[in-house]
N, C-alpha and C. Protein backbone atom coordinates (compact mmCIF):
# COMPACT_ATOMS: atom_id res chain seq x y z
N MET A 1 19.93 -18.63 87.22
CA MET A 1 19.78 -19.88 87.94
C MET A 1 18.56 -20.62 87.41
N ARG A 2 18.67 -21.93 87.28
CA ARG A 2 17.62 -22.74 86.69
C ARG A 2 16.29 -22.63 87.43
N LEU A 3 16.32 -22.66 88.76
CA LEU A 3 15.08 -22.59 89.52
C LEU A 3 14.39 -21.25 89.34
N SER A 4 15.17 -20.19 89.28
CA SER A 4 14.58 -18.88 89.05
C SER A 4 13.92 -18.83 87.69
N LEU A 5 14.56 -19.45 86.71
CA LEU A 5 13.96 -19.49 85.39
C LEU A 5 12.66 -20.27 85.39
N MET A 6 12.61 -21.32 86.19
CA MET A 6 11.38 -22.09 86.27
C MET A 6 10.26 -21.26 86.89
N MET A 7 10.57 -20.50 87.93
CA MET A 7 9.54 -19.64 88.51
C MET A 7 9.21 -18.50 87.55
N ALA A 8 10.19 -18.05 86.77
CA ALA A 8 9.90 -17.04 85.76
C ALA A 8 8.92 -17.61 84.75
N THR A 9 9.04 -18.89 84.47
CA THR A 9 8.09 -19.53 83.58
C THR A 9 6.69 -19.49 84.15
N VAL A 10 6.58 -19.60 85.47
CA VAL A 10 5.28 -19.47 86.11
C VAL A 10 4.68 -18.11 85.78
N VAL A 11 5.46 -17.07 85.97
CA VAL A 11 4.96 -15.72 85.70
C VAL A 11 4.60 -15.57 84.24
N ALA A 12 5.50 -16.00 83.36
CA ALA A 12 5.25 -15.85 81.93
C ALA A 12 4.04 -16.67 81.50
N GLY A 13 3.96 -17.89 81.97
CA GLY A 13 2.84 -18.75 81.59
C GLY A 13 1.51 -18.20 82.05
N VAL A 14 1.46 -17.73 83.27
CA VAL A 14 0.22 -17.18 83.80
C VAL A 14 -0.11 -15.86 83.11
N ALA A 15 0.89 -15.04 82.89
CA ALA A 15 0.65 -13.76 82.23
C ALA A 15 0.15 -13.95 80.80
N LEU A 16 0.64 -14.99 80.15
CA LEU A 16 0.22 -15.26 78.77
C LEU A 16 -1.13 -15.96 78.69
N ALA A 17 -1.65 -16.36 79.83
CA ALA A 17 -2.90 -17.11 79.84
C ALA A 17 -4.09 -16.17 79.80
N GLY A 18 -4.04 -15.20 78.95
CA GLY A 18 -5.15 -14.27 78.76
C GLY A 18 -6.23 -14.88 77.90
N ALA A 19 -7.19 -14.07 77.53
CA ALA A 19 -8.31 -14.57 76.75
C ALA A 19 -7.87 -15.18 75.42
N ALA A 20 -6.83 -14.63 74.82
CA ALA A 20 -6.37 -15.16 73.53
C ALA A 20 -5.82 -16.57 73.66
N ASN A 21 -5.29 -16.92 74.82
CA ASN A 21 -4.71 -18.24 75.02
C ASN A 21 -5.60 -19.16 75.83
N ALA A 22 -6.81 -18.72 76.15
CA ALA A 22 -7.70 -19.54 76.97
C ALA A 22 -8.03 -20.83 76.25
N GLN A 23 -8.09 -21.90 77.01
CA GLN A 23 -8.45 -23.19 76.46
C GLN A 23 -9.60 -23.72 77.27
N ASP A 24 -10.62 -24.22 76.58
CA ASP A 24 -11.72 -24.85 77.29
C ASP A 24 -11.28 -26.23 77.75
N ALA A 25 -11.85 -26.67 78.85
CA ALA A 25 -11.57 -28.03 79.31
C ALA A 25 -11.93 -28.97 78.17
N HIS A 26 -11.04 -29.89 77.85
CA HIS A 26 -11.27 -30.74 76.69
C HIS A 26 -12.47 -31.63 76.90
N ALA A 27 -13.15 -31.90 75.79
CA ALA A 27 -14.37 -32.70 75.83
C ALA A 27 -14.05 -34.08 76.39
N GLY A 28 -14.94 -34.57 77.21
CA GLY A 28 -14.79 -35.89 77.75
C GLY A 28 -13.85 -35.96 78.94
N HIS A 29 -13.32 -34.83 79.36
CA HIS A 29 -12.42 -34.84 80.51
C HIS A 29 -13.23 -35.13 81.76
N ALA A 30 -12.80 -36.11 82.49
CA ALA A 30 -13.47 -36.44 83.74
C ALA A 30 -12.44 -36.39 84.85
N GLY A 31 -12.73 -35.66 85.89
CA GLY A 31 -11.80 -35.55 87.01
C GLY A 31 -11.68 -36.87 87.74
N HIS A 32 -10.47 -37.16 88.20
CA HIS A 32 -10.24 -38.36 88.98
C HIS A 32 -9.02 -38.14 89.86
N ALA A 33 -9.02 -38.80 90.95
CA ALA A 33 -7.87 -38.68 91.85
C ALA A 33 -6.71 -39.48 91.28
N ALA A 34 -5.55 -38.90 91.27
CA ALA A 34 -4.37 -39.59 90.77
C ALA A 34 -3.95 -40.66 91.77
N THR A 35 -3.59 -41.81 91.26
CA THR A 35 -3.11 -42.86 92.13
C THR A 35 -1.62 -42.65 92.34
N PRO A 36 -1.05 -43.16 93.42
CA PRO A 36 0.37 -42.98 93.67
C PRO A 36 1.25 -43.46 92.52
N ALA A 37 0.84 -44.50 91.78
CA ALA A 37 1.62 -45.00 90.65
C ALA A 37 1.64 -43.99 89.51
N GLN A 38 0.68 -43.08 89.49
CA GLN A 38 0.62 -42.07 88.45
C GLN A 38 1.20 -40.76 88.97
N GLY A 39 0.44 -40.07 89.78
CA GLY A 39 0.86 -38.78 90.28
C GLY A 39 0.91 -38.76 91.80
N GLN A 40 2.05 -38.40 92.34
CA GLN A 40 2.21 -38.36 93.79
C GLN A 40 2.12 -36.95 94.36
N TYR A 41 2.22 -35.94 93.51
CA TYR A 41 2.38 -34.58 94.00
C TYR A 41 1.16 -33.69 93.77
N SER A 42 0.01 -34.26 93.40
CA SER A 42 -1.16 -33.43 93.07
C SER A 42 -1.62 -32.56 94.25
N ALA A 43 -1.65 -33.12 95.45
CA ALA A 43 -2.10 -32.34 96.61
C ALA A 43 -1.14 -31.17 96.88
N SER A 44 0.16 -31.43 96.76
CA SER A 44 1.14 -30.36 96.98
C SER A 44 1.02 -29.29 95.90
N LEU A 45 0.81 -29.70 94.65
CA LEU A 45 0.66 -28.73 93.58
C LEU A 45 -0.59 -27.88 93.78
N THR A 46 -1.67 -28.51 94.18
CA THR A 46 -2.91 -27.77 94.46
C THR A 46 -2.66 -26.71 95.52
N ARG A 47 -1.99 -27.10 96.59
CA ARG A 47 -1.71 -26.15 97.68
C ARG A 47 -0.77 -25.05 97.23
N LEU A 48 0.23 -25.40 96.42
CA LEU A 48 1.16 -24.39 95.91
C LEU A 48 0.42 -23.35 95.07
N ILE A 49 -0.44 -23.80 94.16
CA ILE A 49 -1.20 -22.88 93.30
C ILE A 49 -2.15 -22.03 94.12
N THR A 50 -2.87 -22.66 95.04
CA THR A 50 -3.83 -21.94 95.88
C THR A 50 -3.14 -20.90 96.75
N SER A 51 -2.01 -21.27 97.34
CA SER A 51 -1.26 -20.32 98.16
C SER A 51 -0.74 -19.16 97.33
N ALA A 52 -0.20 -19.46 96.16
CA ALA A 52 0.32 -18.40 95.29
C ALA A 52 -0.80 -17.46 94.86
N ALA A 53 -1.97 -18.00 94.57
CA ALA A 53 -3.11 -17.15 94.21
C ALA A 53 -3.49 -16.22 95.35
N ASP A 54 -3.24 -16.67 96.58
CA ASP A 54 -3.51 -15.84 97.77
C ASP A 54 -2.34 -14.91 98.10
N GLY A 55 -1.31 -14.92 97.23
CA GLY A 55 -0.18 -14.02 97.43
C GLY A 55 0.88 -14.54 98.38
N GLU A 56 0.89 -15.84 98.63
CA GLU A 56 1.85 -16.43 99.56
C GLU A 56 2.63 -17.55 98.89
N CYS A 57 3.90 -17.64 99.18
CA CYS A 57 4.74 -18.74 98.72
C CYS A 57 4.84 -19.74 99.88
N PRO A 58 4.39 -20.97 99.69
CA PRO A 58 4.37 -21.93 100.80
C PRO A 58 5.77 -22.43 101.17
N ALA A 59 6.34 -21.85 102.19
CA ALA A 59 7.71 -22.16 102.62
C ALA A 59 7.87 -23.62 103.02
N ASP A 60 6.81 -24.25 103.48
CA ASP A 60 6.93 -25.65 103.89
C ASP A 60 6.95 -26.61 102.70
N LEU A 61 6.65 -26.11 101.49
CA LEU A 61 6.68 -26.94 100.28
C LEU A 61 7.88 -26.66 99.39
N MET A 62 8.46 -25.47 99.51
CA MET A 62 9.48 -25.02 98.56
C MET A 62 10.88 -25.02 99.16
N ALA A 63 11.84 -25.60 98.43
CA ALA A 63 13.24 -25.52 98.82
C ALA A 63 13.68 -24.05 98.72
N ALA A 64 14.77 -23.72 99.35
CA ALA A 64 15.22 -22.33 99.49
C ALA A 64 15.28 -21.55 98.18
N ASP A 65 15.90 -22.11 97.13
CA ASP A 65 16.03 -21.37 95.87
C ASP A 65 14.68 -21.13 95.21
N LEU A 66 13.81 -22.14 95.23
CA LEU A 66 12.48 -21.98 94.65
C LEU A 66 11.66 -20.98 95.45
N LEU A 67 11.75 -21.05 96.77
CA LEU A 67 11.04 -20.11 97.63
C LEU A 67 11.51 -18.69 97.37
N SER A 68 12.79 -18.49 97.24
CA SER A 68 13.34 -17.17 96.98
C SER A 68 12.82 -16.63 95.64
N ALA A 69 12.84 -17.46 94.62
CA ALA A 69 12.35 -17.04 93.30
C ALA A 69 10.86 -16.71 93.37
N CYS A 70 10.11 -17.52 94.09
CA CYS A 70 8.68 -17.27 94.25
C CYS A 70 8.43 -15.95 94.96
N ASN A 71 9.12 -15.72 96.07
CA ASN A 71 8.94 -14.48 96.82
C ASN A 71 9.27 -13.24 96.00
N GLU A 72 10.27 -13.36 95.13
CA GLU A 72 10.64 -12.24 94.26
C GLU A 72 9.54 -11.91 93.25
N GLN A 73 8.71 -12.91 92.91
CA GLN A 73 7.75 -12.73 91.82
C GLN A 73 6.29 -12.85 92.25
N ILE A 74 6.04 -13.05 93.53
CA ILE A 74 4.67 -13.29 93.99
C ILE A 74 3.74 -12.12 93.71
N ALA A 75 4.26 -10.92 93.65
CA ALA A 75 3.41 -9.76 93.36
C ALA A 75 2.78 -9.86 91.97
N SER A 76 3.43 -10.54 91.05
CA SER A 76 2.87 -10.77 89.71
C SER A 76 2.11 -12.08 89.63
N ILE A 77 2.66 -13.10 90.28
CA ILE A 77 2.06 -14.43 90.21
C ILE A 77 0.68 -14.46 90.86
N GLY A 78 0.57 -13.89 92.05
CA GLY A 78 -0.68 -13.93 92.81
C GLY A 78 -1.87 -13.38 92.05
N PRO A 79 -1.81 -12.12 91.58
CA PRO A 79 -2.95 -11.56 90.86
C PRO A 79 -3.27 -12.32 89.56
N ALA A 80 -2.24 -12.80 88.88
CA ALA A 80 -2.47 -13.54 87.64
C ALA A 80 -3.24 -14.83 87.92
N LEU A 81 -2.84 -15.55 88.97
CA LEU A 81 -3.56 -16.77 89.33
C LEU A 81 -4.95 -16.45 89.86
N GLN A 82 -5.06 -15.41 90.65
CA GLN A 82 -6.34 -15.00 91.20
C GLN A 82 -7.36 -14.75 90.07
N SER A 83 -6.89 -14.16 88.97
CA SER A 83 -7.79 -13.84 87.85
C SER A 83 -8.34 -15.08 87.15
N LEU A 84 -7.71 -16.23 87.34
CA LEU A 84 -8.17 -17.47 86.71
C LEU A 84 -9.29 -18.13 87.50
N GLY A 85 -9.46 -17.73 88.75
CA GLY A 85 -10.46 -18.35 89.62
C GLY A 85 -9.90 -19.61 90.25
N PRO A 86 -10.70 -20.26 91.09
CA PRO A 86 -10.25 -21.46 91.77
C PRO A 86 -9.98 -22.61 90.80
N ILE A 87 -9.20 -23.57 91.25
CA ILE A 87 -8.98 -24.79 90.47
C ILE A 87 -10.29 -25.56 90.44
N SER A 88 -10.71 -25.96 89.25
CA SER A 88 -11.93 -26.76 89.14
C SER A 88 -11.63 -28.24 88.91
N ASP A 89 -10.44 -28.55 88.39
CA ASP A 89 -10.09 -29.94 88.14
C ASP A 89 -8.59 -30.03 87.87
N MET A 90 -8.06 -31.21 88.03
CA MET A 90 -6.64 -31.44 87.78
C MET A 90 -6.49 -32.86 87.24
N ALA A 91 -5.67 -33.02 86.21
CA ALA A 91 -5.45 -34.34 85.63
C ALA A 91 -3.96 -34.61 85.50
N PHE A 92 -3.52 -35.75 86.01
CA PHE A 92 -2.13 -36.16 85.88
C PHE A 92 -1.83 -36.43 84.41
N VAL A 93 -0.69 -35.91 83.93
CA VAL A 93 -0.29 -36.10 82.54
C VAL A 93 0.87 -37.09 82.44
N SER A 94 1.96 -36.82 83.18
CA SER A 94 3.12 -37.69 83.07
C SER A 94 4.09 -37.43 84.22
N ALA A 95 5.06 -38.33 84.33
CA ALA A 95 6.15 -38.17 85.28
C ALA A 95 7.44 -38.53 84.56
N GLU A 96 8.47 -37.75 84.84
CA GLU A 96 9.79 -38.03 84.28
C GLU A 96 10.78 -38.12 85.43
N GLY A 97 11.75 -39.01 85.29
CA GLY A 97 12.77 -39.18 86.31
C GLY A 97 12.26 -40.05 87.45
N GLU A 98 13.18 -40.37 88.33
CA GLU A 98 12.86 -41.19 89.48
C GLU A 98 13.46 -40.58 90.73
N GLY A 99 12.90 -40.94 91.87
CA GLY A 99 13.43 -40.45 93.14
C GLY A 99 13.42 -38.94 93.21
N GLU A 100 14.55 -38.36 93.63
CA GLU A 100 14.64 -36.91 93.78
C GLU A 100 14.57 -36.17 92.45
N ALA A 101 14.80 -36.87 91.34
CA ALA A 101 14.76 -36.24 90.01
C ALA A 101 13.36 -36.27 89.40
N ARG A 102 12.40 -36.88 90.08
CA ARG A 102 11.04 -37.02 89.54
C ARG A 102 10.37 -35.65 89.40
N VAL A 103 9.82 -35.40 88.21
CA VAL A 103 9.02 -34.20 87.95
C VAL A 103 7.71 -34.66 87.33
N GLU A 104 6.62 -34.28 87.96
CA GLU A 104 5.30 -34.64 87.47
C GLU A 104 4.65 -33.46 86.76
N THR A 105 3.87 -33.78 85.72
CA THR A 105 3.17 -32.77 84.95
C THR A 105 1.67 -33.02 85.06
N TYR A 106 0.92 -31.93 85.22
CA TYR A 106 -0.53 -31.98 85.36
C TYR A 106 -1.20 -30.94 84.48
N GLU A 107 -2.39 -31.25 84.00
CA GLU A 107 -3.26 -30.25 83.39
C GLU A 107 -4.13 -29.72 84.53
N VAL A 108 -4.10 -28.41 84.73
CA VAL A 108 -4.87 -27.80 85.80
C VAL A 108 -5.92 -26.90 85.17
N PHE A 109 -7.17 -27.19 85.48
CA PHE A 109 -8.31 -26.47 84.93
C PHE A 109 -8.83 -25.49 85.99
N PHE A 110 -9.13 -24.28 85.56
CA PHE A 110 -9.61 -23.24 86.46
C PHE A 110 -11.06 -22.89 86.14
N GLU A 111 -11.76 -22.31 87.11
CA GLU A 111 -13.17 -21.94 86.91
C GLU A 111 -13.36 -21.01 85.72
N SER A 112 -12.35 -20.25 85.36
CA SER A 112 -12.45 -19.33 84.22
C SER A 112 -12.54 -20.08 82.89
N GLY A 113 -12.30 -21.40 82.91
CA GLY A 113 -12.31 -22.19 81.69
C GLY A 113 -10.92 -22.39 81.11
N GLN A 114 -9.94 -21.75 81.70
CA GLN A 114 -8.57 -21.89 81.21
C GLN A 114 -7.92 -23.14 81.77
N MET A 115 -7.00 -23.69 80.98
CA MET A 115 -6.21 -24.83 81.41
C MET A 115 -4.75 -24.45 81.27
N LEU A 116 -3.97 -24.72 82.30
CA LEU A 116 -2.53 -24.52 82.26
C LEU A 116 -1.86 -25.84 82.62
N THR A 117 -0.75 -26.12 81.98
CA THR A 117 0.02 -27.32 82.28
C THR A 117 1.08 -26.95 83.30
N TRP A 118 1.04 -27.61 84.45
CA TRP A 118 1.95 -27.34 85.56
C TRP A 118 2.87 -28.52 85.78
N GLY A 119 4.06 -28.23 86.25
CA GLY A 119 5.01 -29.27 86.65
C GLY A 119 5.50 -28.99 88.06
N ILE A 120 5.76 -30.07 88.78
CA ILE A 120 6.29 -29.96 90.14
C ILE A 120 7.16 -31.18 90.40
N GLY A 121 8.28 -30.97 91.09
CA GLY A 121 9.14 -32.10 91.39
C GLY A 121 10.43 -31.69 92.05
N GLY A 122 11.43 -32.54 91.87
CA GLY A 122 12.70 -32.31 92.56
C GLY A 122 12.51 -32.36 94.05
N TYR A 123 11.80 -33.36 94.53
CA TYR A 123 11.43 -33.47 95.95
C TYR A 123 12.61 -33.99 96.76
N VAL A 124 13.19 -33.11 97.56
CA VAL A 124 14.36 -33.43 98.37
C VAL A 124 14.14 -32.91 99.79
N ASP A 125 14.34 -33.75 100.77
CA ASP A 125 14.20 -33.35 102.17
C ASP A 125 12.85 -32.71 102.47
N GLY A 126 11.79 -33.24 101.87
CA GLY A 126 10.44 -32.77 102.15
C GLY A 126 10.02 -31.50 101.46
N LYS A 127 10.84 -31.02 100.50
CA LYS A 127 10.50 -29.79 99.79
C LYS A 127 10.79 -29.94 98.29
N PHE A 128 10.09 -29.14 97.48
CA PHE A 128 10.24 -29.19 96.03
C PHE A 128 11.25 -28.16 95.55
N ASN A 129 12.05 -28.55 94.57
CA ASN A 129 13.01 -27.67 93.94
C ASN A 129 12.54 -27.14 92.59
N VAL A 130 11.48 -27.75 92.05
CA VAL A 130 11.01 -27.43 90.70
C VAL A 130 9.51 -27.12 90.73
N ALA A 131 9.13 -26.03 90.10
CA ALA A 131 7.73 -25.72 89.86
C ALA A 131 7.70 -24.85 88.61
N PHE A 132 6.81 -25.23 87.66
CA PHE A 132 6.71 -24.43 86.44
C PHE A 132 5.31 -24.57 85.85
N VAL A 133 4.99 -23.66 84.94
CA VAL A 133 3.71 -23.69 84.27
C VAL A 133 3.90 -23.23 82.83
N THR A 134 3.10 -23.81 81.94
CA THR A 134 3.05 -23.36 80.55
C THR A 134 1.60 -23.07 80.20
N GLY A 135 1.38 -22.18 79.27
CA GLY A 135 0.02 -21.75 78.91
C GLY A 135 -0.76 -22.68 78.13
């Protein structure tokens, strides 16, 4: 199932984000709040990442299939995210699609110095159907 594969990408991306794949925050990066015209889902993504690092899948943010995939993999996702430390900054990168098909991409910087590119979207009935990360 596509959503399970997306959550599997979360596990793979976080697991691959070891020292060999660590990226320093790029020079000149300045944190800023995303405007609605740019990124609408930054607060939800922050909460999703923070909850997952605490070993919980936020049921109020995730549609049933995504929540199920998250719950199946949280034992791996949580410790991997925990090892990166808290989020230190987030930058909106892009958005694709419109309405319920909208998926936003962000660069998420962690206190460990690592940066992971996260995506979130497929917002239907107050919950997200898509969440993924790449190293």
